[in-house]
Amino acid sequence: MNRLLVLLLICSRVGSTTAFVGPSSGRSLIQQSPSRYVSSHRDLCTRPRGRSHTTSSKQTELAALLPPGKFTAIGMGIGKFYKASPLIACFLTASTKACFADSMAQYRDSTTTKFDIKRNLAMILYSGTILGLFCSVMYNQLFPIMFAGETNPLLLAIKMALFDGFINAPLIWLPPAYIAKALIYNQPKRKALQKYVTDVKENGLLKKYWSLWLPA
């Protein structure tokens, strides 16, 4: 559960990887004969363009099915929904991300032989409620009130980071993950909280959390 929680927290910050493929020839381009490139250029100019025509046709068909106006309308509709129902939008966004993140984690886990739907539901419930609803209320409504008197941007950022790491994390952000799992698996809530305390004391859960989020 701890690994899944850490994966969920960092999944939105993970970047993509780009592969660079080098030339297969041992000689440099300068060392190779210029006539070879002239010939290649001529071949390219006289080569049949059926594949390019097919690709262009497919792009035209796709543009006909989804014209730019539809994308604009969809984007505007999503924007209006987020403005009209911010809490519901936060819940749906966070729960959807959790669903995909946990599904990917289970797929890549070599010890998992069958997709655990309960585990996925637990992550959806926790993420939608805590990382969606509670984080939205905390950061967008409570923090501006709690730190309204601080005018120095640097001190404001430090205060909010420390409060979030040493107050919110151990009391609000982390314990509900264990409770959500207990609810879905129909386990005792007291046992779930005991597991959380054990992870904090013996497995360094908070230290791992602080090492990840305080520098960020």
N, C-alpha and C. Protein backbone atom coordinates (compact mmCIF):
# COMPACT_ATOMS: atom_id res chain seq x y z
N MET A 1 0.83 -1.21 0.00
CA MET A 1 0.00 0.00 0.00
C MET A 1 0.86 1.25 0.00
N ASN A 2 2.01 1.17 0.75
CA ASN A 2 2.88 2.34 0.81
C ASN A 2 3.48 2.63 -0.57
N ARG A 3 3.87 1.56 -1.29
CA ARG A 3 4.44 1.75 -2.60
C ARG A 3 3.44 2.37 -3.54
N LEU A 4 2.17 1.93 -3.45
CA LEU A 4 1.13 2.47 -4.31
C LEU A 4 0.88 3.93 -3.99
N LEU A 5 0.91 4.28 -2.71
CA LEU A 5 0.67 5.67 -2.31
C LEU A 5 1.76 6.58 -2.84
N VAL A 6 3.02 6.13 -2.72
CA VAL A 6 4.13 6.93 -3.22
C VAL A 6 4.04 7.07 -4.73
N LEU A 7 3.66 5.96 -5.44
CA LEU A 7 3.50 6.02 -6.89
C LEU A 7 2.42 7.00 -7.28
N LEU A 8 1.31 6.99 -6.54
CA LEU A 8 0.21 7.89 -6.84
C LEU A 8 0.60 9.34 -6.64
N LEU A 9 1.37 9.61 -5.57
CA LEU A 9 1.76 10.98 -5.26
C LEU A 9 2.72 11.54 -6.28
N ILE A 10 3.55 10.68 -6.89
CA ILE A 10 4.56 11.20 -7.80
C ILE A 10 4.22 10.97 -9.26
N CYS A 11 3.09 10.31 -9.49
CA CYS A 11 2.83 9.96 -10.87
C CYS A 11 2.65 11.15 -11.77
N SER A 12 2.03 12.28 -11.20
CA SER A 12 1.82 13.45 -12.00
C SER A 12 3.07 14.25 -12.23
N ARG A 13 4.19 13.88 -11.52
CA ARG A 13 5.45 14.63 -11.66
C ARG A 13 6.49 13.88 -12.49
N VAL A 14 6.12 12.68 -12.92
CA VAL A 14 7.09 11.90 -13.65
C VAL A 14 7.18 12.39 -15.09
N GLY A 15 8.38 12.61 -15.60
CA GLY A 15 8.52 13.07 -16.97
C GLY A 15 8.66 11.91 -17.94
N SER A 16 8.76 12.18 -19.24
CA SER A 16 8.90 11.17 -20.26
C SER A 16 10.37 10.98 -20.61
N THR A 17 10.70 9.84 -21.23
CA THR A 17 12.06 9.52 -21.60
C THR A 17 12.18 9.52 -23.11
N THR A 18 13.26 10.14 -23.64
CA THR A 18 13.47 10.20 -25.07
C THR A 18 14.67 9.34 -25.43
N ALA A 19 14.51 8.49 -26.44
CA ALA A 19 15.60 7.62 -26.89
C ALA A 19 16.26 8.23 -28.10
N PHE A 20 17.59 8.22 -28.13
CA PHE A 20 18.34 8.76 -29.25
C PHE A 20 18.99 7.60 -29.97
N VAL A 21 18.74 7.51 -31.23
CA VAL A 21 19.28 6.43 -32.05
C VAL A 21 20.37 7.00 -32.93
N GLY A 22 21.57 6.44 -32.83
CA GLY A 22 22.68 6.92 -33.62
C GLY A 22 22.70 6.29 -35.00
N PRO A 23 23.51 6.82 -35.94
CA PRO A 23 23.60 6.26 -37.29
C PRO A 23 24.27 4.92 -37.27
N SER A 24 23.83 4.05 -38.18
CA SER A 24 24.38 2.70 -38.22
C SER A 24 25.72 2.65 -38.93
N SER A 25 25.99 3.61 -39.79
CA SER A 25 27.24 3.60 -40.54
C SER A 25 28.40 4.03 -39.67
N GLY A 26 29.57 3.44 -39.92
CA GLY A 26 30.74 3.79 -39.15
C GLY A 26 31.39 5.09 -39.60
N ARG A 27 31.17 5.48 -40.88
CA ARG A 27 31.80 6.71 -41.38
C ARG A 27 30.91 7.90 -41.11
N SER A 28 31.54 9.07 -41.07
CA SER A 28 30.79 10.29 -40.88
C SER A 28 30.15 10.70 -42.19
N LEU A 29 29.21 11.62 -42.14
CA LEU A 29 28.55 12.09 -43.34
C LEU A 29 29.52 12.83 -44.26
N ILE A 30 30.53 13.50 -43.69
CA ILE A 30 31.48 14.25 -44.50
C ILE A 30 32.36 13.32 -45.32
N GLN A 31 32.66 12.13 -44.75
CA GLN A 31 33.54 11.20 -45.42
C GLN A 31 32.85 10.46 -46.56
N GLN A 32 31.54 10.43 -46.61
CA GLN A 32 30.84 9.69 -47.62
C GLN A 32 30.72 10.50 -48.90
N SER A 33 30.53 9.81 -50.01
CA SER A 33 30.55 10.45 -51.32
C SER A 33 29.34 11.34 -51.51
N PRO A 34 29.54 12.59 -52.02
CA PRO A 34 28.40 13.48 -52.26
C PRO A 34 27.47 12.95 -53.32
N SER A 35 28.03 12.21 -54.34
CA SER A 35 27.18 11.70 -55.41
C SER A 35 26.14 10.73 -54.87
N ARG A 36 26.47 10.07 -53.80
CA ARG A 36 25.53 9.13 -53.20
C ARG A 36 24.29 9.86 -52.72
N TYR A 37 24.50 11.06 -52.16
CA TYR A 37 23.37 11.81 -51.63
C TYR A 37 22.58 12.45 -52.76
N VAL A 38 23.27 12.81 -53.87
CA VAL A 38 22.55 13.35 -55.02
C VAL A 38 21.65 12.30 -55.60
N SER A 39 22.19 11.06 -55.75
CA SER A 39 21.38 9.97 -56.27
C SER A 39 20.21 9.66 -55.36
N SER A 40 20.48 9.66 -54.06
CA SER A 40 19.41 9.39 -53.10
C SER A 40 18.34 10.45 -53.18
N HIS A 41 18.77 11.70 -53.37
CA HIS A 41 17.80 12.79 -53.46
C HIS A 41 16.92 12.63 -54.69
N ARG A 42 17.54 12.21 -55.83
CA ARG A 42 16.75 12.01 -57.03
C ARG A 42 15.76 10.87 -56.86
N ASP A 43 16.23 9.78 -56.25
CA ASP A 43 15.34 8.65 -56.00
C ASP A 43 14.17 9.08 -55.14
N LEU A 44 14.45 9.91 -54.16
CA LEU A 44 13.39 10.35 -53.26
C LEU A 44 12.37 11.20 -54.00
N CYS A 45 12.86 12.04 -54.93
CA CYS A 45 11.96 12.91 -55.68
C CYS A 45 11.09 12.14 -56.65
N THR A 46 11.63 11.01 -57.20
CA THR A 46 10.88 10.26 -58.20
C THR A 46 10.14 9.08 -57.60
N ARG A 47 10.26 8.88 -56.30
CA ARG A 47 9.63 7.73 -55.65
C ARG A 47 8.11 7.93 -55.61
N PRO A 48 7.35 6.86 -55.82
CA PRO A 48 5.88 6.98 -55.74
C PRO A 48 5.46 7.47 -54.37
N ARG A 49 4.43 8.27 -54.34
CA ARG A 49 4.00 8.92 -53.10
C ARG A 49 2.65 8.37 -52.64
N GLY A 50 2.43 7.09 -52.88
CA GLY A 50 1.15 6.49 -52.50
C GLY A 50 0.94 6.47 -51.00
N ARG A 51 2.00 6.15 -50.23
CA ARG A 51 1.87 6.08 -48.78
C ARG A 51 1.57 7.46 -48.21
N SER A 52 2.26 8.49 -48.73
CA SER A 52 2.00 9.85 -48.26
C SER A 52 0.58 10.26 -48.57
N HIS A 53 0.10 9.85 -49.77
CA HIS A 53 -1.28 10.19 -50.14
C HIS A 53 -2.27 9.51 -49.21
N THR A 54 -1.97 8.23 -48.86
CA THR A 54 -2.86 7.50 -47.94
C THR A 54 -2.91 8.16 -46.57
N THR A 55 -1.73 8.57 -46.08
CA THR A 55 -1.68 9.24 -44.78
C THR A 55 -2.44 10.55 -44.80
N SER A 56 -2.27 11.29 -45.90
CA SER A 56 -2.98 12.55 -46.02
C SER A 56 -4.48 12.34 -46.06
N SER A 57 -4.92 11.27 -46.74
CA SER A 57 -6.35 10.97 -46.80
C SER A 57 -6.90 10.64 -45.43
N LYS A 58 -6.15 9.86 -44.65
CA LYS A 58 -6.58 9.51 -43.30
C LYS A 58 -6.67 10.75 -42.42
N GLN A 59 -5.70 11.64 -42.56
CA GLN A 59 -5.74 12.87 -41.77
C GLN A 59 -6.93 13.74 -42.16
N THR A 60 -7.26 13.74 -43.45
CA THR A 60 -8.41 14.51 -43.90
C THR A 60 -9.71 13.93 -43.34
N GLU A 61 -9.80 12.58 -43.36
CA GLU A 61 -10.99 11.93 -42.81
C GLU A 61 -11.13 12.21 -41.32
N LEU A 62 -10.00 12.16 -40.60
CA LEU A 62 -10.02 12.43 -39.16
C LEU A 62 -10.44 13.87 -38.89
N ALA A 63 -9.91 14.80 -39.69
CA ALA A 63 -10.28 16.20 -39.51
C ALA A 63 -11.76 16.43 -39.79
N ALA A 64 -12.31 15.63 -40.74
CA ALA A 64 -13.74 15.76 -41.03
C ALA A 64 -14.59 15.24 -39.88
N LEU A 65 -14.11 14.16 -39.24
CA LEU A 65 -14.86 13.61 -38.12
C LEU A 65 -14.75 14.48 -36.87
N LEU A 66 -13.56 15.02 -36.62
CA LEU A 66 -13.32 15.85 -35.43
C LEU A 66 -12.74 17.19 -35.87
N PRO A 67 -13.54 18.07 -36.37
CA PRO A 67 -13.04 19.39 -36.78
C PRO A 67 -12.56 20.18 -35.58
N PRO A 68 -11.70 21.18 -35.80
CA PRO A 68 -11.18 21.99 -34.68
C PRO A 68 -12.26 22.62 -33.83
N GLY A 69 -13.39 22.95 -34.44
CA GLY A 69 -14.47 23.55 -33.66
C GLY A 69 -14.99 22.65 -32.57
N LYS A 70 -15.00 21.34 -32.84
CA LYS A 70 -15.48 20.40 -31.82
C LYS A 70 -14.52 20.34 -30.64
N PHE A 71 -13.21 20.33 -30.93
CA PHE A 71 -12.23 20.32 -29.84
C PHE A 71 -12.36 21.58 -28.99
N THR A 72 -12.59 22.70 -29.64
CA THR A 72 -12.76 23.95 -28.91
C THR A 72 -14.00 23.90 -28.03
N ALA A 73 -15.08 23.36 -28.58
CA ALA A 73 -16.32 23.25 -27.81
C ALA A 73 -16.16 22.31 -26.62
N ILE A 74 -15.43 21.19 -26.83
CA ILE A 74 -15.20 20.24 -25.75
C ILE A 74 -14.36 20.89 -24.65
N GLY A 75 -13.30 21.61 -25.06
CA GLY A 75 -12.46 22.28 -24.07
C GLY A 75 -13.23 23.33 -23.28
N MET A 76 -14.06 24.08 -23.95
CA MET A 76 -14.86 25.10 -23.26
C MET A 76 -15.86 24.46 -22.31
N GLY A 77 -16.43 23.33 -22.73
CA GLY A 77 -17.38 22.63 -21.86
C GLY A 77 -16.71 22.10 -20.60
N ILE A 78 -15.50 21.55 -20.76
CA ILE A 78 -14.76 21.06 -19.59
C ILE A 78 -14.40 22.21 -18.67
N GLY A 79 -13.98 23.33 -19.26
CA GLY A 79 -13.64 24.50 -18.44
C GLY A 79 -14.83 25.02 -17.66
N LYS A 80 -16.00 25.06 -18.29
CA LYS A 80 -17.20 25.51 -17.59
C LYS A 80 -17.57 24.55 -16.47
N PHE A 81 -17.40 23.25 -16.72
CA PHE A 81 -17.72 22.27 -15.68
C PHE A 81 -16.80 22.44 -14.46
N TYR A 82 -15.51 22.67 -14.70
CA TYR A 82 -14.57 22.84 -13.59
C TYR A 82 -14.87 24.11 -12.80
N LYS A 83 -15.34 25.15 -13.48
CA LYS A 83 -15.68 26.38 -12.78
C LYS A 83 -17.00 26.25 -12.01
N ALA A 84 -17.97 25.56 -12.62
CA ALA A 84 -19.28 25.44 -11.99
C ALA A 84 -19.28 24.44 -10.85
N SER A 85 -18.51 23.36 -10.98
CA SER A 85 -18.49 22.30 -9.95
C SER A 85 -17.05 21.93 -9.64
N PRO A 86 -16.31 22.79 -8.96
CA PRO A 86 -14.88 22.53 -8.74
C PRO A 86 -14.61 21.30 -7.88
N LEU A 87 -15.42 21.08 -6.86
CA LEU A 87 -15.16 19.94 -5.97
C LEU A 87 -15.42 18.61 -6.68
N ILE A 88 -16.52 18.56 -7.43
CA ILE A 88 -16.80 17.33 -8.18
C ILE A 88 -15.71 17.09 -9.23
N ALA A 89 -15.29 18.17 -9.87
CA ALA A 89 -14.23 18.05 -10.87
C ALA A 89 -12.93 17.56 -10.23
N CYS A 90 -12.60 18.06 -9.05
CA CYS A 90 -11.40 17.60 -8.34
C CYS A 90 -11.49 16.12 -7.99
N PHE A 91 -12.67 15.71 -7.54
CA PHE A 91 -12.86 14.30 -7.19
C PHE A 91 -12.68 13.42 -8.42
N LEU A 92 -13.31 13.78 -9.52
CA LEU A 92 -13.22 12.98 -10.74
C LEU A 92 -11.80 12.95 -11.29
N THR A 93 -11.11 14.08 -11.25
CA THR A 93 -9.75 14.13 -11.77
C THR A 93 -8.80 13.26 -10.96
N ALA A 94 -8.84 13.43 -9.64
CA ALA A 94 -7.93 12.66 -8.78
C ALA A 94 -8.25 11.17 -8.80
N SER A 95 -9.52 10.81 -8.78
CA SER A 95 -9.90 9.40 -8.78
C SER A 95 -9.54 8.73 -10.11
N THR A 96 -9.69 9.46 -11.21
CA THR A 96 -9.32 8.89 -12.51
C THR A 96 -7.83 8.65 -12.60
N LYS A 97 -7.04 9.62 -12.14
CA LYS A 97 -5.58 9.44 -12.13
C LYS A 97 -5.19 8.26 -11.26
N ALA A 98 -5.85 8.11 -10.12
CA ALA A 98 -5.54 7.00 -9.22
C ALA A 98 -5.87 5.67 -9.88
N CYS A 99 -6.98 5.61 -10.58
CA CYS A 99 -7.38 4.38 -11.25
C CYS A 99 -6.32 3.94 -12.25
N PHE A 100 -5.86 4.86 -13.08
CA PHE A 100 -4.85 4.53 -14.07
C PHE A 100 -3.50 4.23 -13.43
N ALA A 101 -3.13 4.99 -12.40
CA ALA A 101 -1.84 4.77 -11.75
C ALA A 101 -1.78 3.40 -11.09
N ASP A 102 -2.84 3.02 -10.37
CA ASP A 102 -2.85 1.72 -9.72
C ASP A 102 -2.93 0.59 -10.74
N SER A 103 -3.68 0.79 -11.81
CA SER A 103 -3.76 -0.23 -12.86
C SER A 103 -2.39 -0.47 -13.47
N MET A 104 -1.65 0.61 -13.71
CA MET A 104 -0.30 0.47 -14.24
C MET A 104 0.62 -0.23 -13.25
N ALA A 105 0.48 0.12 -11.96
CA ALA A 105 1.32 -0.51 -10.94
C ALA A 105 1.04 -2.01 -10.86
N GLN A 106 -0.22 -2.39 -10.91
CA GLN A 106 -0.55 -3.82 -10.86
C GLN A 106 -0.06 -4.54 -12.11
N TYR A 107 -0.15 -3.89 -13.25
CA TYR A 107 0.30 -4.51 -14.49
C TYR A 107 1.81 -4.75 -14.47
N ARG A 108 2.56 -3.83 -13.90
CA ARG A 108 4.02 -3.94 -13.88
C ARG A 108 4.54 -4.75 -12.69
N ASP A 109 3.67 -5.10 -11.76
CA ASP A 109 4.08 -5.87 -10.59
C ASP A 109 4.17 -7.35 -10.97
N SER A 110 5.38 -7.88 -10.94
CA SER A 110 5.59 -9.27 -11.34
C SER A 110 4.96 -10.26 -10.38
N THR A 111 4.68 -9.85 -9.15
CA THR A 111 4.08 -10.75 -8.17
C THR A 111 2.56 -10.79 -8.26
N THR A 112 1.97 -9.90 -9.07
CA THR A 112 0.52 -9.86 -9.21
C THR A 112 0.09 -10.75 -10.36
N THR A 113 -0.74 -11.73 -10.08
CA THR A 113 -1.22 -12.66 -11.10
C THR A 113 -2.63 -12.33 -11.57
N LYS A 114 -3.35 -11.54 -10.79
CA LYS A 114 -4.74 -11.20 -11.13
C LYS A 114 -5.01 -9.77 -10.70
N PHE A 115 -5.75 -9.05 -11.54
CA PHE A 115 -6.05 -7.66 -11.22
C PHE A 115 -6.92 -7.59 -9.97
N ASP A 116 -6.46 -6.79 -8.98
CA ASP A 116 -7.17 -6.66 -7.71
C ASP A 116 -8.11 -5.46 -7.79
N ILE A 117 -9.37 -5.72 -8.06
CA ILE A 117 -10.34 -4.64 -8.23
C ILE A 117 -10.57 -3.90 -6.92
N LYS A 118 -10.51 -4.60 -5.79
CA LYS A 118 -10.71 -3.94 -4.50
C LYS A 118 -9.60 -2.95 -4.20
N ARG A 119 -8.40 -3.34 -4.50
CA ARG A 119 -7.26 -2.44 -4.30
C ARG A 119 -7.43 -1.19 -5.16
N ASN A 120 -7.86 -1.38 -6.40
CA ASN A 120 -8.07 -0.25 -7.29
C ASN A 120 -9.18 0.66 -6.77
N LEU A 121 -10.25 0.07 -6.26
CA LEU A 121 -11.35 0.87 -5.70
C LEU A 121 -10.90 1.64 -4.47
N ALA A 122 -10.04 1.02 -3.65
CA ALA A 122 -9.53 1.71 -2.47
C ALA A 122 -8.71 2.94 -2.85
N MET A 123 -7.89 2.81 -3.89
CA MET A 123 -7.10 3.94 -4.35
C MET A 123 -7.99 5.02 -4.94
N ILE A 124 -9.04 4.61 -5.66
CA ILE A 124 -9.97 5.59 -6.23
C ILE A 124 -10.69 6.35 -5.12
N LEU A 125 -11.15 5.63 -4.11
CA LEU A 125 -11.86 6.26 -3.00
C LEU A 125 -10.95 7.22 -2.24
N TYR A 126 -9.75 6.79 -1.93
CA TYR A 126 -8.81 7.64 -1.19
C TYR A 126 -8.42 8.87 -2.00
N SER A 127 -8.05 8.66 -3.25
CA SER A 127 -7.56 9.77 -4.06
C SER A 127 -8.65 10.78 -4.36
N GLY A 128 -9.84 10.29 -4.72
CA GLY A 128 -10.91 11.23 -5.02
C GLY A 128 -11.30 12.05 -3.82
N THR A 129 -11.35 11.41 -2.65
CA THR A 129 -11.80 12.10 -1.44
C THR A 129 -10.71 12.99 -0.84
N ILE A 130 -9.52 12.44 -0.66
CA ILE A 130 -8.45 13.17 0.03
C ILE A 130 -7.66 14.05 -0.92
N LEU A 131 -7.10 13.44 -1.96
CA LEU A 131 -6.25 14.20 -2.88
C LEU A 131 -7.07 15.10 -3.80
N GLY A 132 -8.35 14.82 -3.93
CA GLY A 132 -9.21 15.66 -4.74
C GLY A 132 -9.96 16.69 -3.92
N LEU A 133 -10.93 16.23 -3.12
CA LEU A 133 -11.78 17.15 -2.36
C LEU A 133 -11.02 17.87 -1.26
N PHE A 134 -10.35 17.12 -0.39
CA PHE A 134 -9.71 17.72 0.78
C PHE A 134 -8.57 18.65 0.37
N CYS A 135 -7.76 18.24 -0.61
CA CYS A 135 -6.65 19.10 -1.04
C CYS A 135 -7.17 20.39 -1.66
N SER A 136 -8.27 20.30 -2.41
CA SER A 136 -8.84 21.49 -3.01
C SER A 136 -9.31 22.47 -1.94
N VAL A 137 -10.00 21.96 -0.93
CA VAL A 137 -10.48 22.82 0.15
C VAL A 137 -9.31 23.39 0.95
N MET A 138 -8.32 22.56 1.23
CA MET A 138 -7.19 22.99 2.04
C MET A 138 -6.37 24.07 1.34
N TYR A 139 -5.98 23.81 0.10
CA TYR A 139 -5.07 24.72 -0.59
C TYR A 139 -5.76 25.95 -1.15
N ASN A 140 -7.01 25.80 -1.60
CA ASN A 140 -7.69 26.92 -2.27
C ASN A 140 -8.55 27.76 -1.34
N GLN A 141 -8.96 27.21 -0.19
CA GLN A 141 -9.86 27.94 0.69
C GLN A 141 -9.26 28.20 2.08
N LEU A 142 -8.68 27.17 2.69
CA LEU A 142 -8.17 27.33 4.05
C LEU A 142 -6.80 28.02 4.10
N PHE A 143 -5.89 27.61 3.25
CA PHE A 143 -4.56 28.20 3.28
C PHE A 143 -4.58 29.71 3.06
N PRO A 144 -5.36 30.24 2.11
CA PRO A 144 -5.40 31.70 1.95
C PRO A 144 -5.88 32.43 3.21
N ILE A 145 -6.72 31.77 4.00
CA ILE A 145 -7.20 32.38 5.24
C ILE A 145 -6.15 32.24 6.35
N MET A 146 -5.58 31.05 6.45
CA MET A 146 -4.63 30.77 7.52
C MET A 146 -3.35 31.60 7.40
N PHE A 147 -2.90 31.85 6.17
CA PHE A 147 -1.64 32.56 5.95
C PHE A 147 -1.86 33.91 5.29
N ALA A 148 -3.00 34.51 5.55
CA ALA A 148 -3.34 35.79 4.93
C ALA A 148 -2.43 36.92 5.39
N GLY A 149 -1.89 36.83 6.62
CA GLY A 149 -1.07 37.92 7.14
C GLY A 149 0.35 37.94 6.64
N GLU A 150 0.80 36.87 5.97
CA GLU A 150 2.18 36.80 5.51
C GLU A 150 2.30 37.43 4.13
N THR A 151 3.16 38.45 4.01
CA THR A 151 3.32 39.17 2.75
C THR A 151 4.60 38.80 2.02
N ASN A 152 5.54 38.19 2.72
CA ASN A 152 6.80 37.77 2.08
C ASN A 152 6.57 36.45 1.33
N PRO A 153 6.73 36.42 0.02
CA PRO A 153 6.44 35.19 -0.74
C PRO A 153 7.28 34.00 -0.31
N LEU A 154 8.55 34.23 0.02
CA LEU A 154 9.42 33.13 0.41
C LEU A 154 8.98 32.55 1.76
N LEU A 155 8.74 33.42 2.74
CA LEU A 155 8.28 32.94 4.04
C LEU A 155 6.91 32.28 3.93
N LEU A 156 6.05 32.79 3.07
CA LEU A 156 4.74 32.18 2.87
C LEU A 156 4.87 30.76 2.34
N ALA A 157 5.75 30.56 1.37
CA ALA A 157 5.95 29.23 0.81
C ALA A 157 6.52 28.27 1.85
N ILE A 158 7.48 28.77 2.66
CA ILE A 158 8.09 27.92 3.69
C ILE A 158 7.06 27.53 4.74
N LYS A 159 6.26 28.48 5.18
CA LYS A 159 5.25 28.19 6.21
C LYS A 159 4.22 27.18 5.71
N MET A 160 3.77 27.37 4.49
CA MET A 160 2.77 26.45 3.95
C MET A 160 3.35 25.05 3.76
N ALA A 161 4.61 24.97 3.30
CA ALA A 161 5.24 23.67 3.11
C ALA A 161 5.43 22.93 4.44
N LEU A 162 5.87 23.67 5.46
CA LEU A 162 6.06 23.05 6.77
C LEU A 162 4.74 22.61 7.39
N PHE A 163 3.73 23.44 7.28
CA PHE A 163 2.42 23.08 7.82
C PHE A 163 1.87 21.86 7.10
N ASP A 164 2.04 21.85 5.79
CA ASP A 164 1.52 20.72 5.01
C ASP A 164 2.26 19.43 5.33
N GLY A 165 3.58 19.54 5.53
CA GLY A 165 4.36 18.34 5.76
C GLY A 165 4.25 17.79 7.17
N PHE A 166 4.18 18.68 8.18
CA PHE A 166 4.23 18.22 9.57
C PHE A 166 2.87 18.19 10.27
N ILE A 167 1.87 18.80 9.67
CA ILE A 167 0.52 18.76 10.25
C ILE A 167 -0.44 17.99 9.36
N ASN A 168 -0.54 18.42 8.11
CA ASN A 168 -1.50 17.77 7.21
C ASN A 168 -1.12 16.33 6.89
N ALA A 169 0.15 16.10 6.61
CA ALA A 169 0.57 14.76 6.19
C ALA A 169 0.28 13.68 7.24
N PRO A 170 0.76 13.83 8.47
CA PRO A 170 0.52 12.76 9.45
C PRO A 170 -0.92 12.67 9.94
N LEU A 171 -1.68 13.76 9.84
CA LEU A 171 -3.03 13.76 10.40
C LEU A 171 -4.14 13.64 9.35
N ILE A 172 -3.90 14.16 8.14
CA ILE A 172 -4.98 14.22 7.15
C ILE A 172 -4.67 13.43 5.89
N TRP A 173 -3.47 13.60 5.32
CA TRP A 173 -3.21 13.00 4.02
C TRP A 173 -2.96 11.50 4.08
N LEU A 174 -2.21 11.01 5.05
CA LEU A 174 -1.79 9.61 5.04
C LEU A 174 -2.75 8.62 5.73
N PRO A 175 -3.26 8.90 6.93
CA PRO A 175 -4.13 7.91 7.58
C PRO A 175 -5.34 7.48 6.76
N PRO A 176 -6.01 8.36 6.03
CA PRO A 176 -7.18 7.91 5.26
C PRO A 176 -6.86 6.85 4.22
N ALA A 177 -5.62 6.76 3.76
CA ALA A 177 -5.26 5.72 2.80
C ALA A 177 -5.46 4.34 3.42
N TYR A 178 -5.11 4.21 4.67
CA TYR A 178 -5.28 2.93 5.37
C TYR A 178 -6.76 2.68 5.69
N ILE A 179 -7.48 3.73 6.02
CA ILE A 179 -8.90 3.58 6.33
C ILE A 179 -9.68 3.21 5.07
N ALA A 180 -9.34 3.83 3.95
CA ALA A 180 -10.02 3.50 2.69
C ALA A 180 -9.81 2.04 2.32
N LYS A 181 -8.60 1.55 2.51
CA LYS A 181 -8.34 0.14 2.24
C LYS A 181 -9.14 -0.77 3.16
N ALA A 182 -9.22 -0.38 4.43
CA ALA A 182 -9.99 -1.18 5.39
C ALA A 182 -11.48 -1.19 5.02
N LEU A 183 -12.00 -0.08 4.55
CA LEU A 183 -13.41 -0.02 4.15
C LEU A 183 -13.70 -0.94 2.98
N ILE A 184 -12.85 -0.91 1.98
CA ILE A 184 -13.08 -1.72 0.78
C ILE A 184 -12.89 -3.21 1.07
N TYR A 185 -11.88 -3.54 1.88
CA TYR A 185 -11.60 -4.95 2.20
C TYR A 185 -12.38 -5.44 3.41
N ASN A 186 -13.24 -4.58 3.94
CA ASN A 186 -14.06 -4.94 5.11
C ASN A 186 -13.19 -5.42 6.28
N GLN A 187 -12.17 -4.61 6.59
CA GLN A 187 -11.27 -4.90 7.69
C GLN A 187 -11.53 -3.93 8.84
N PRO A 188 -11.13 -4.29 10.06
CA PRO A 188 -11.33 -3.39 11.20
C PRO A 188 -10.57 -2.08 11.03
N LYS A 189 -11.23 -0.97 11.31
CA LYS A 189 -10.60 0.35 11.15
C LYS A 189 -9.48 0.55 12.16
N ARG A 190 -9.66 0.01 13.38
CA ARG A 190 -8.62 0.13 14.39
C ARG A 190 -7.34 -0.56 13.94
N LYS A 191 -7.50 -1.72 13.32
CA LYS A 191 -6.33 -2.44 12.82
C LYS A 191 -5.62 -1.66 11.71
N ALA A 192 -6.40 -0.97 10.90
CA ALA A 192 -5.81 -0.17 9.83
C ALA A 192 -4.99 0.98 10.39
N LEU A 193 -5.51 1.64 11.43
CA LEU A 193 -4.77 2.73 12.05
C LEU A 193 -3.52 2.22 12.77
N GLN A 194 -3.62 1.03 13.35
CA GLN A 194 -2.44 0.43 13.97
C GLN A 194 -1.36 0.14 12.93
N LYS A 195 -1.79 -0.28 11.75
CA LYS A 195 -0.84 -0.52 10.67
C LYS A 195 -0.16 0.79 10.25
N TYR A 196 -0.92 1.87 10.24
CA TYR A 196 -0.35 3.17 9.91
C TYR A 196 0.70 3.58 10.94
N VAL A 197 0.39 3.41 12.21
CA VAL A 197 1.34 3.76 13.27
C VAL A 197 2.60 2.90 13.15
N THR A 198 2.42 1.63 12.84
CA THR A 198 3.58 0.74 12.68
C THR A 198 4.45 1.18 11.51
N ASP A 199 3.83 1.58 10.44
CA ASP A 199 4.60 2.03 9.28
C ASP A 199 5.36 3.32 9.59
N VAL A 200 4.77 4.16 10.40
CA VAL A 200 5.44 5.41 10.77
C VAL A 200 6.63 5.12 11.68
N LYS A 201 6.43 4.29 12.66
CA LYS A 201 7.47 4.04 13.66
C LYS A 201 8.56 3.11 13.14
N GLU A 202 8.20 2.06 12.43
CA GLU A 202 9.17 1.02 12.08
C GLU A 202 9.63 1.07 10.63
N ASN A 203 8.78 1.59 9.75
CA ASN A 203 9.12 1.55 8.32
C ASN A 203 9.45 2.93 7.74
N GLY A 204 9.46 3.96 8.60
CA GLY A 204 9.88 5.28 8.14
C GLY A 204 8.96 5.92 7.12
N LEU A 205 7.65 5.73 7.26
CA LEU A 205 6.72 6.27 6.29
C LEU A 205 6.81 7.79 6.19
N LEU A 206 6.77 8.48 7.33
CA LEU A 206 6.81 9.94 7.31
C LEU A 206 8.15 10.46 6.80
N LYS A 207 9.23 9.78 7.15
CA LYS A 207 10.54 10.21 6.67
C LYS A 207 10.61 10.14 5.15
N LYS A 208 10.03 9.09 4.60
CA LYS A 208 10.00 8.96 3.14
C LYS A 208 9.13 10.06 2.52
N TYR A 209 8.03 10.34 3.17
CA TYR A 209 7.14 11.40 2.68
C TYR A 209 7.85 12.75 2.71
N TRP A 210 8.49 13.05 3.84
CA TRP A 210 9.18 14.34 3.97
C TRP A 210 10.33 14.46 2.97
N SER A 211 11.09 13.37 2.78
CA SER A 211 12.22 13.41 1.86
C SER A 211 11.76 13.66 0.42
N LEU A 212 10.52 13.28 0.13
CA LEU A 212 10.00 13.47 -1.21
C LEU A 212 9.37 14.84 -1.41
N TRP A 213 8.56 15.29 -0.41
CA TRP A 213 7.72 16.47 -0.62
C TRP A 213 8.28 17.76 -0.04
N LEU A 214 9.05 17.69 1.02
CA LEU A 214 9.59 18.94 1.56
C LEU A 214 10.54 19.63 0.58
N PRO A 215 11.45 18.91 -0.08
CA PRO A 215 12.30 19.58 -1.08
C PRO A 215 11.49 20.11 -2.26
N ALA A 216 10.39 19.42 -2.59
CA ALA A 216 9.58 19.87 -3.73
C ALA A 216 8.85 21.15 -3.42
